[in-house]
Structure formats: C-alpha cells, structure tokens
Amino acid sequence: YADSVKGRFTISRDSAKNTVYLQMNT
C-alpha cells in the first residue's frame, strides 16, 4: 500500500471471478 492509504484501504481478490476489490474506509 501507499503510505497515504495504509490502514484505511484494503485490496482483495476473488480468483474464481478474476476480480479485485478496493475497500476504502475513512
């Protein structure tokens, strides 16, 4: 993660769906 988003954003993936997510909080 970039320092500017560390602790607020979370990246995850679903390999079966070939999809990546970005959960952005605060």
PDB file of all heavy atoms in Angstrom:
ATOM      1  N   TYR A   1       0.812  -1.204   0.000  1.00  0.00           N
ATOM      2  CA  TYR A   1       0.000   0.000   0.000  1.00  0.00           C
ATOM      3  C   TYR A   1       0.851   1.262   0.000  1.00  0.00           C
ATOM      4  O   TYR A   1       1.942   1.292   0.572  1.00  0.00           O
ATOM      5  CB  TYR A   1      -0.885   0.034   1.257  1.00  0.00           C
ATOM      6  CG  TYR A   1      -1.918  -1.057   1.326  1.00  0.00           C
ATOM      7  CD1 TYR A   1      -1.626  -2.283   1.921  1.00  0.00           C
ATOM      8  CD2 TYR A   1      -3.187  -0.876   0.790  1.00  0.00           C
ATOM      9  CE1 TYR A   1      -2.568  -3.292   1.979  1.00  0.00           C
ATOM     10  CE2 TYR A   1      -4.142  -1.886   0.850  1.00  0.00           C
ATOM     11  CZ  TYR A   1      -3.821  -3.089   1.441  1.00  0.00           C
ATOM     12  OH  TYR A   1      -4.766  -4.073   1.496  1.00  0.00           O
ATOM     13  N   ALA A   2       0.305   2.290  -0.613  1.00  0.00           N
ATOM     14  CA  ALA A   2       0.896   3.618  -0.458  1.00  0.00           C
ATOM     15  C   ALA A   2       0.682   4.072   0.978  1.00  0.00           C
ATOM     16  O   ALA A   2      -0.331   3.752   1.596  1.00  0.00           O
ATOM     17  CB  ALA A   2       0.262   4.598  -1.435  1.00  0.00           C
ATOM     18  N   ASP A   3       1.629   4.841   1.491  1.00  0.00           N
ATOM     19  CA  ASP A   3       1.522   5.314   2.876  1.00  0.00           C
ATOM     20  C   ASP A   3       0.254   6.123   3.091  1.00  0.00           C
ATOM     21  O   ASP A   3      -0.338   6.091   4.174  1.00  0.00           O
ATOM     22  CB  ASP A   3       2.741   6.155   3.231  1.00  0.00           C
ATOM     23  CG  ASP A   3       4.002   5.324   3.393  1.00  0.00           C
ATOM     24  OD1 ASP A   3       3.884   4.091   3.571  1.00  0.00           O
ATOM     25  OD2 ASP A   3       5.095   5.904   3.341  1.00  0.00           O
ATOM     26  N   SER A   4      -0.188   6.828   2.065  1.00  0.00           N
ATOM     27  CA  SER A   4      -1.339   7.716   2.198  1.00  0.00           C
ATOM     28  C   SER A   4      -2.645   6.965   2.433  1.00  0.00           C
ATOM     29  O   SER A   4      -3.623   7.556   2.901  1.00  0.00           O
ATOM     30  CB  SER A   4      -1.467   8.599   0.962  1.00  0.00           C
ATOM     31  OG  SER A   4      -1.610   7.804  -0.201  1.00  0.00           O
ATOM     32  N   VAL A   5      -2.687   5.678   2.106  1.00  0.00           N
ATOM     33  CA  VAL A   5      -3.932   4.915   2.262  1.00  0.00           C
ATOM     34  C   VAL A   5      -3.792   3.766   3.242  1.00  0.00           C
ATOM     35  O   VAL A   5      -4.791   3.101   3.565  1.00  0.00           O
ATOM     36  CB  VAL A   5      -4.429   4.376   0.909  1.00  0.00           C
ATOM     37  CG1 VAL A   5      -4.553   5.504  -0.104  1.00  0.00           C
ATOM     38  CG2 VAL A   5      -3.539   3.260   0.381  1.00  0.00           C
ATOM     39  N   LYS A   6      -2.591   3.527   3.735  1.00  0.00           N
ATOM     40  CA  LYS A   6      -2.348   2.394   4.625  1.00  0.00           C
ATOM     41  C   LYS A   6      -3.225   2.530   5.879  1.00  0.00           C
ATOM     42  O   LYS A   6      -3.301   3.596   6.488  1.00  0.00           O
ATOM     43  CB  LYS A   6      -0.871   2.361   5.007  1.00  0.00           C
ATOM     44  CG  LYS A   6      -0.367   1.020   5.469  1.00  0.00           C
ATOM     45  CD  LYS A   6       1.152   1.059   5.622  1.00  0.00           C
ATOM     46  CE  LYS A   6       1.854   1.250   4.299  1.00  0.00           C
ATOM     47  NZ  LYS A   6       3.323   1.221   4.441  1.00  0.00           N
ATOM     48  N   GLY A   7      -3.891   1.451   6.221  1.00  0.00           N
ATOM     49  CA  GLY A   7      -4.775   1.448   7.376  1.00  0.00           C
ATOM     50  C   GLY A   7      -6.193   1.885   7.068  1.00  0.00           C
ATOM     51  O   GLY A   7      -7.093   1.700   7.892  1.00  0.00           O
ATOM     52  N   ARG A   8      -6.425   2.456   5.893  1.00  0.00           N
ATOM     53  CA  ARG A   8      -7.775   2.894   5.506  1.00  0.00           C
ATOM     54  C   ARG A   8      -8.320   2.086   4.342  1.00  0.00           C
ATOM     55  O   ARG A   8      -9.520   1.847   4.267  1.00  0.00           O
ATOM     56  CB  ARG A   8      -7.762   4.379   5.133  1.00  0.00           C
ATOM     57  CG  ARG A   8      -7.313   5.298   6.243  1.00  0.00           C
ATOM     58  CD  ARG A   8      -7.508   6.766   5.858  1.00  0.00           C
ATOM     59  NE  ARG A   8      -6.728   7.155   4.694  1.00  0.00           N
ATOM     60  CZ  ARG A   8      -7.256   7.642   3.574  1.00  0.00           C
ATOM     61  NH1 ARG A   8      -8.561   7.811   3.474  1.00  0.00           N
ATOM     62  NH2 ARG A   8      -6.462   7.996   2.572  1.00  0.00           N
ATOM     63  N   PHE A   9      -7.446   1.710   3.420  1.00  0.00           N
ATOM     64  CA  PHE A   9      -7.857   0.971   2.225  1.00  0.00           C
ATOM     65  C   PHE A   9      -7.405  -0.477   2.338  1.00  0.00           C
ATOM     66  O   PHE A   9      -6.351  -0.775   2.908  1.00  0.00           O
ATOM     67  CB  PHE A   9      -7.227   1.580   0.979  1.00  0.00           C
ATOM     68  CG  PHE A   9      -7.740   2.937   0.582  1.00  0.00           C
ATOM     69  CD1 PHE A   9      -8.549   3.690   1.428  1.00  0.00           C
ATOM     70  CD2 PHE A   9      -7.405   3.466  -0.656  1.00  0.00           C
ATOM     71  CE1 PHE A   9      -9.017   4.933   1.047  1.00  0.00           C
ATOM     72  CE2 PHE A   9      -7.868   4.713  -1.059  1.00  0.00           C
ATOM     73  CZ  PHE A   9      -8.661   5.450  -0.187  1.00  0.00           C
ATOM     74  N   THR A  10      -8.192  -1.372   1.752  1.00  0.00           N
ATOM     75  CA  THR A  10      -7.846  -2.792   1.720  1.00  0.00           C
ATOM     76  C   THR A  10      -8.104  -3.344   0.335  1.00  0.00           C
ATOM     77  O   THR A  10      -9.208  -3.188  -0.198  1.00  0.00           O
ATOM     78  CB  THR A  10      -8.665  -3.586   2.744  1.00  0.00           C
ATOM     79  OG1 THR A  10      -8.458  -3.047   4.059  1.00  0.00           O
ATOM     80  CG2 THR A  10      -8.238  -5.053   2.738  1.00  0.00           C
ATOM     81  N   ILE A  11      -7.097  -3.978  -0.231  1.00  0.00           N
ATOM     82  CA  ILE A  11      -7.245  -4.633  -1.528  1.00  0.00           C
ATOM     83  C   ILE A  11      -7.439  -6.125  -1.278  1.00  0.00           C
ATOM     84  O   ILE A  11      -6.835  -6.710  -0.373  1.00  0.00           O
ATOM     85  CB  ILE A  11      -6.019  -4.370  -2.431  1.00  0.00           C
ATOM     86  CG1 ILE A  11      -6.284  -4.874  -3.850  1.00  0.00           C
ATOM     87  CG2 ILE A  11      -4.746  -4.969  -1.859  1.00  0.00           C
ATOM     88  CD1 ILE A  11      -5.209  -4.454  -4.869  1.00  0.00           C
ATOM     89  N   SER A  12      -8.304  -6.724  -2.093  1.00  0.00           N
ATOM     90  CA  SER A  12      -8.530  -8.168  -2.006  1.00  0.00           C
ATOM     91  C   SER A  12      -8.860  -8.684  -3.394  1.00  0.00           C
ATOM     92  O   SER A  12      -9.113  -7.899  -4.308  1.00  0.00           O
ATOM     93  CB  SER A  12      -9.656  -8.483  -1.026  1.00  0.00           C
ATOM     94  OG  SER A  12     -10.867  -7.899  -1.450  1.00  0.00           O
ATOM     95  N   ARG A  13      -8.840  -9.992  -3.519  1.00  0.00           N
ATOM     96  CA  ARG A  13      -9.122 -10.569  -4.832  1.00  0.00           C
ATOM     97  C   ARG A  13     -10.002 -11.790  -4.683  1.00  0.00           C
ATOM     98  O   ARG A  13      -9.985 -12.466  -3.658  1.00  0.00           O
ATOM     99  CB  ARG A  13      -7.823 -10.955  -5.538  1.00  0.00           C
ATOM    100  CG  ARG A  13      -7.191 -12.252  -4.986  1.00  0.00           C
ATOM    101  CD  ARG A  13      -5.791 -12.413  -5.401  1.00  0.00           C
ATOM    102  NE  ARG A  13      -5.191 -13.698  -5.149  1.00  0.00           N
ATOM    103  CZ  ARG A  13      -5.017 -14.300  -3.988  1.00  0.00           C
ATOM    104  NH1 ARG A  13      -5.467 -13.753  -2.884  1.00  0.00           N
ATOM    105  NH2 ARG A  13      -4.390 -15.451  -3.899  1.00  0.00           N
ATOM    106  N   ASP A  14     -10.746 -12.065  -5.753  1.00  0.00           N
ATOM    107  CA  ASP A  14     -11.522 -13.298  -5.878  1.00  0.00           C
ATOM    108  C   ASP A  14     -11.018 -13.955  -7.151  1.00  0.00           C
ATOM    109  O   ASP A  14     -11.407 -13.564  -8.256  1.00  0.00           O
ATOM    110  CB  ASP A  14     -13.020 -12.992  -5.949  1.00  0.00           C
ATOM    111  CG  ASP A  14     -13.869 -14.238  -5.987  1.00  0.00           C
ATOM    112  OD1 ASP A  14     -13.389 -15.286  -6.482  1.00  0.00           O
ATOM    113  OD2 ASP A  14     -15.025 -14.178  -5.532  1.00  0.00           O
ATOM    114  N   SER A  15     -10.151 -14.927  -6.982  1.00  0.00           N
ATOM    115  CA  SER A  15      -9.520 -15.556  -8.146  1.00  0.00           C
ATOM    116  C   SER A  15     -10.536 -16.239  -9.037  1.00  0.00           C
ATOM    117  O   SER A  15     -10.380 -16.223 -10.264  1.00  0.00           O
ATOM    118  CB  SER A  15      -8.469 -16.564  -7.675  1.00  0.00           C
ATOM    119  OG  SER A  15      -7.478 -15.938  -6.901  1.00  0.00           O
ATOM    120  N   ALA A  16     -11.560 -16.823  -8.449  1.00  0.00           N
ATOM    121  CA  ALA A  16     -12.567 -17.533  -9.241  1.00  0.00           C
ATOM    122  C   ALA A  16     -13.322 -16.586 -10.162  1.00  0.00           C
ATOM    123  O   ALA A  16     -13.758 -16.959 -11.250  1.00  0.00           O
ATOM    124  CB  ALA A  16     -13.535 -18.263  -8.327  1.00  0.00           C
ATOM    125  N   LYS A  17     -13.461 -15.335  -9.719  1.00  0.00           N
ATOM    126  CA  LYS A  17     -14.187 -14.341 -10.516  1.00  0.00           C
ATOM    127  C   LYS A  17     -13.256 -13.408 -11.267  1.00  0.00           C
ATOM    128  O   LYS A  17     -13.729 -12.493 -11.951  1.00  0.00           O
ATOM    129  CB  LYS A  17     -15.092 -13.513  -9.599  1.00  0.00           C
ATOM    130  CG  LYS A  17     -16.198 -14.300  -8.919  1.00  0.00           C
ATOM    131  CD  LYS A  17     -17.058 -13.391  -8.062  1.00  0.00           C
ATOM    132  CE  LYS A  17     -18.195 -14.168  -7.399  1.00  0.00           C
ATOM    133  NZ  LYS A  17     -19.041 -13.286  -6.554  1.00  0.00           N
ATOM    134  N   ASN A  18     -11.946 -13.620 -11.127  1.00  0.00           N
ATOM    135  CA  ASN A  18     -10.966 -12.721 -11.760  1.00  0.00           C
ATOM    136  C   ASN A  18     -11.271 -11.262 -11.434  1.00  0.00           C
ATOM    137  O   ASN A  18     -11.251 -10.392 -12.319  1.00  0.00           O
ATOM    138  CB  ASN A  18     -10.938 -12.919 -13.274  1.00  0.00           C
ATOM    139  CG  ASN A  18     -10.312 -14.234 -13.671  1.00  0.00           C
ATOM    140  OD1 ASN A  18      -9.303 -14.652 -13.098  1.00  0.00           O
ATOM    141  ND2 ASN A  18     -10.907 -14.914 -14.630  1.00  0.00           N
ATOM    142  N   THR A  19     -11.558 -11.031 -10.182  1.00  0.00           N
ATOM    143  CA  THR A  19     -11.973  -9.699  -9.748  1.00  0.00           C
ATOM    144  C   THR A  19     -11.130  -9.252  -8.563  1.00  0.00           C
ATOM    145  O   THR A  19     -10.822 -10.053  -7.671  1.00  0.00           O
ATOM    146  CB  THR A  19     -13.461  -9.705  -9.361  1.00  0.00           C
ATOM    147  OG1 THR A  19     -14.235 -10.056 -10.515  1.00  0.00           O
ATOM    148  CG2 THR A  19     -13.906  -8.338  -8.866  1.00  0.00           C
ATOM    149  N   VAL A  20     -10.768  -7.994  -8.567  1.00  0.00           N
ATOM    150  CA  VAL A  20     -10.066  -7.390  -7.447  1.00  0.00           C
ATOM    151  C   VAL A  20     -10.945  -6.284  -6.879  1.00  0.00           C
ATOM    152  O   VAL A  20     -11.691  -5.637  -7.612  1.00  0.00           O
ATOM    153  CB  VAL A  20      -8.686  -6.855  -7.879  1.00  0.00           C
ATOM    154  CG1 VAL A  20      -8.817  -5.694  -8.847  1.00  0.00           C
ATOM    155  CG2 VAL A  20      -7.842  -6.474  -6.679  1.00  0.00           C
ATOM    156  N   TYR A  21     -10.866  -6.129  -5.575  1.00  0.00           N
ATOM    157  CA  TYR A  21     -11.690  -5.148  -4.873  1.00  0.00           C
ATOM    158  C   TYR A  21     -10.797  -4.158  -4.133  1.00  0.00           C
ATOM    159  O   TYR A  21      -9.687  -4.488  -3.712  1.00  0.00           O
ATOM    160  CB  TYR A  21     -12.601  -5.851  -3.869  1.00  0.00           C
ATOM    161  CG  TYR A  21     -13.483  -6.903  -4.480  1.00  0.00           C
ATOM    162  CD1 TYR A  21     -13.118  -8.250  -4.439  1.00  0.00           C
ATOM    163  CD2 TYR A  21     -14.673  -6.564  -5.111  1.00  0.00           C
ATOM    164  CE1 TYR A  21     -13.919  -9.230  -5.006  1.00  0.00           C
ATOM    165  CE2 TYR A  21     -15.479  -7.546  -5.686  1.00  0.00           C
ATOM    166  CZ  TYR A  21     -15.085  -8.869  -5.628  1.00  0.00           C
ATOM    167  OH  TYR A  21     -15.885  -9.832  -6.207  1.00  0.00           O
ATOM    168  N   LEU A  22     -11.323  -2.962  -3.981  1.00  0.00           N
ATOM    169  CA  LEU A  22     -10.660  -1.960  -3.163  1.00  0.00           C
ATOM    170  C   LEU A  22     -11.682  -1.409  -2.178  1.00  0.00           C
ATOM    171  O   LEU A  22     -12.581  -0.661  -2.568  1.00  0.00           O
ATOM    172  CB  LEU A  22     -10.081  -0.839  -4.017  1.00  0.00           C
ATOM    173  CG  LEU A  22      -9.344   0.258  -3.250  1.00  0.00           C
ATOM    174  CD1 LEU A  22      -8.132  -0.313  -2.520  1.00  0.00           C
ATOM    175  CD2 LEU A  22      -8.915   1.388  -4.185  1.00  0.00           C
ATOM    176  N   GLN A  23     -11.547  -1.818  -0.931  1.00  0.00           N
ATOM    177  CA  GLN A  23     -12.408  -1.298   0.121  1.00  0.00           C
ATOM    178  C   GLN A  23     -11.759  -0.042   0.678  1.00  0.00           C
ATOM    179  O   GLN A  23     -10.625  -0.085   1.162  1.00  0.00           O
ATOM    180  CB  GLN A  23     -12.580  -2.334   1.229  1.00  0.00           C
ATOM    181  CG  GLN A  23     -13.432  -1.862   2.402  1.00  0.00           C
ATOM    182  CD  GLN A  23     -14.877  -1.614   2.019  1.00  0.00           C
ATOM    183  OE1 GLN A  23     -15.486  -2.411   1.325  1.00  0.00           O
ATOM    184  NE2 GLN A  23     -15.427  -0.490   2.479  1.00  0.00           N
ATOM    185  N   MET A  24     -12.478   1.058   0.589  1.00  0.00           N
ATOM    186  CA  MET A  24     -11.939   2.350   1.024  1.00  0.00           C
ATOM    187  C   MET A  24     -12.765   2.863   2.198  1.00  0.00           C
ATOM    188  O   MET A  24     -13.963   3.115   2.036  1.00  0.00           O
ATOM    189  CB  MET A  24     -11.977   3.351  -0.137  1.00  0.00           C
ATOM    190  CG  MET A  24     -11.261   2.855  -1.381  1.00  0.00           C
ATOM    191  SD  MET A  24     -11.180   4.092  -2.691  1.00  0.00           S
ATOM    192  CE  MET A  24     -12.916   4.233  -3.104  1.00  0.00           C
ATOM    193  N   ASN A  25     -12.127   2.973   3.332  1.00  0.00           N
ATOM    194  CA  ASN A  25     -12.786   3.461   4.533  1.00  0.00           C
ATOM    195  C   ASN A  25     -12.177   4.794   4.973  1.00  0.00           C
ATOM    196  O   ASN A  25     -11.076   5.148   4.547  1.00  0.00           O
ATOM    197  CB  ASN A  25     -12.644   2.443   5.668  1.00  0.00           C
ATOM    198  CG  ASN A  25     -13.307   1.120   5.353  1.00  0.00           C
ATOM    199  OD1 ASN A  25     -14.331   1.068   4.642  1.00  0.00           O
ATOM    200  ND2 ASN A  25     -12.758   0.032   5.863  1.00  0.00           N
ATOM    201  N   THR A  26     -12.890   5.474   5.827  1.00  0.00           N
ATOM    202  CA  THR A  26     -12.427   6.763   6.372  1.00  0.00           C
ATOM    203  C   THR A  26     -11.914   7.660   5.244  1.00  0.00           C
ATOM    204  O   THR A  26     -10.804   8.190   5.286  1.00  0.00           O
ATOM    205  CB  THR A  26     -11.322   6.548   7.419  1.00  0.00           C
ATOM    206  OG1 THR A  26     -11.633   5.433   8.248  1.00  0.00           O
ATOM    207  CG2 THR A  26     -11.175   7.777   8.312  1.00  0.00           C
TER     208      THR A  26
END
